[in-house]
Amino acid sequence: MEKVSVKVCLGTTCFVMGSANLQELIDIVPRKYGDKVDVSGVPCLGLCATDWEFSKAPYVKVNNDVIKEATVEKVIAAIDAKLLKKV
């Protein structure tokens, strides 16, 4: 089974808009999913630059799906959906 990849944007805008709060995923995800999910922080996903005026930071990518205004709950729901599709 291929791992689900979670990339948390740690660029300035995302960090200020709340990605710092997403760091708890580093603790939650391994306990909940074991080695089925890989979580990492990335310097910048470049997503807020595409439409700065309507930025929905912080951004997280779960595989190739972008989560806007990401929260721990939204990311967990996206991971659950990906894992359910793979079963």
Protein backbone atom coordinates (compact mmCIF):
# COMPACT_ATOMS: atom_id res chain seq x y z
CA MET A 1 0.00 0.00 0.00
CA GLU A 2 1.35 3.41 -0.99
CA LYS A 3 1.68 5.92 1.84
CA VAL A 4 -0.49 8.99 2.01
CA SER A 5 1.70 12.08 1.74
CA VAL A 6 0.86 15.15 3.82
CA LYS A 7 2.80 18.35 3.13
CA VAL A 8 2.23 21.30 5.46
CA CYS A 9 3.23 24.67 4.01
CA LEU A 10 5.53 26.54 6.38
CA GLY A 11 5.96 29.61 4.19
CA THR A 12 5.60 32.97 5.91
CA THR A 13 1.96 33.60 4.98
CA CYS A 14 0.84 30.09 5.87
CA PHE A 15 2.84 30.11 9.09
CA VAL A 16 1.32 33.43 10.19
CA MET A 17 -2.17 32.29 9.13
CA GLY A 18 -2.04 29.14 11.24
CA SER A 19 0.21 26.40 9.91
CA ALA A 20 2.13 26.65 13.19
CA ASN A 21 -0.99 25.12 14.78
CA LEU A 22 -0.75 22.18 12.39
CA GLN A 23 2.50 21.00 13.95
CA GLU A 24 0.45 18.79 16.26
CA LEU A 25 -0.13 16.58 13.19
CA ILE A 26 3.44 15.35 13.72
CA ASP A 27 2.28 13.78 17.00
CA ILE A 28 -1.26 12.79 16.03
CA VAL A 29 -0.68 11.15 12.64
CA PRO A 30 1.87 8.47 13.64
CA ARG A 31 -0.26 7.43 16.63
CA LYS A 32 -3.45 7.25 14.57
CA TYR A 33 -2.15 5.84 11.26
CA GLY A 34 1.22 4.24 11.98
CA ASP A 35 3.39 4.13 8.89
CA LYS A 36 0.51 4.57 6.41
CA VAL A 37 0.96 8.36 6.34
CA ASP A 38 4.03 10.54 5.90
CA VAL A 39 3.80 14.10 7.29
CA SER A 40 6.36 16.77 6.47
CA GLY A 41 6.71 20.51 6.50
CA VAL A 42 7.75 22.21 3.27
CA PRO A 43 9.27 25.70 2.91
CA CYS A 44 6.47 26.90 0.61
CA LEU A 45 3.85 25.32 -1.62
CA GLY A 46 3.52 28.57 -3.61
CA LEU A 47 -0.26 28.46 -3.50
CA CYS A 48 -1.02 31.85 -1.93
CA ALA A 49 1.05 33.58 -4.61
CA THR A 50 -1.37 32.44 -7.32
CA ASP A 51 -4.24 34.49 -5.93
CA TRP A 52 -2.87 36.67 -3.15
CA GLU A 53 -5.98 38.84 -2.79
CA PHE A 54 -8.12 35.83 -1.94
CA SER A 55 -5.50 33.75 -0.15
CA LYS A 56 -6.93 30.88 1.85
CA ALA A 57 -3.80 30.13 3.88
CA PRO A 58 -2.70 27.94 5.53
CA TYR A 59 -2.41 25.32 2.82
CA VAL A 60 -1.77 21.60 3.15
CA LYS A 61 -1.45 19.02 0.39
CA VAL A 62 -2.75 15.50 1.04
CA ASN A 63 -1.30 13.58 -1.87
CA ASN A 64 -2.21 15.98 -4.69
CA ASP A 65 -5.33 17.46 -3.09
CA VAL A 66 -4.99 20.99 -1.71
CA ILE A 67 -6.69 21.85 1.56
CA LYS A 68 -7.36 25.57 1.93
CA GLU A 69 -7.70 27.21 5.34
CA ALA A 70 -6.33 23.96 6.73
CA THR A 71 -7.06 22.81 10.24
CA VAL A 72 -6.04 19.62 12.01
CA GLU A 73 -9.63 18.37 11.63
CA LYS A 74 -9.72 19.04 7.86
CA VAL A 75 -6.37 17.30 7.34
CA ILE A 76 -7.41 14.24 9.39
CA ALA A 77 -10.68 14.03 7.40
CA ALA A 78 -8.73 14.17 4.12
CA ILE A 79 -6.33 11.45 5.30
CA ASP A 80 -9.26 9.26 6.36
CA ALA A 81 -10.88 9.73 2.94
CA LYS A 82 -7.66 8.76 1.14
CA LEU A 83 -7.16 5.66 3.28
CA LEU A 84 -10.77 4.55 2.83
CA LYS A 85 -10.39 4.78 -0.97
CA LYS A 86 -7.35 2.50 -0.82
CA VAL A 87 -9.06 -0.30 1.09
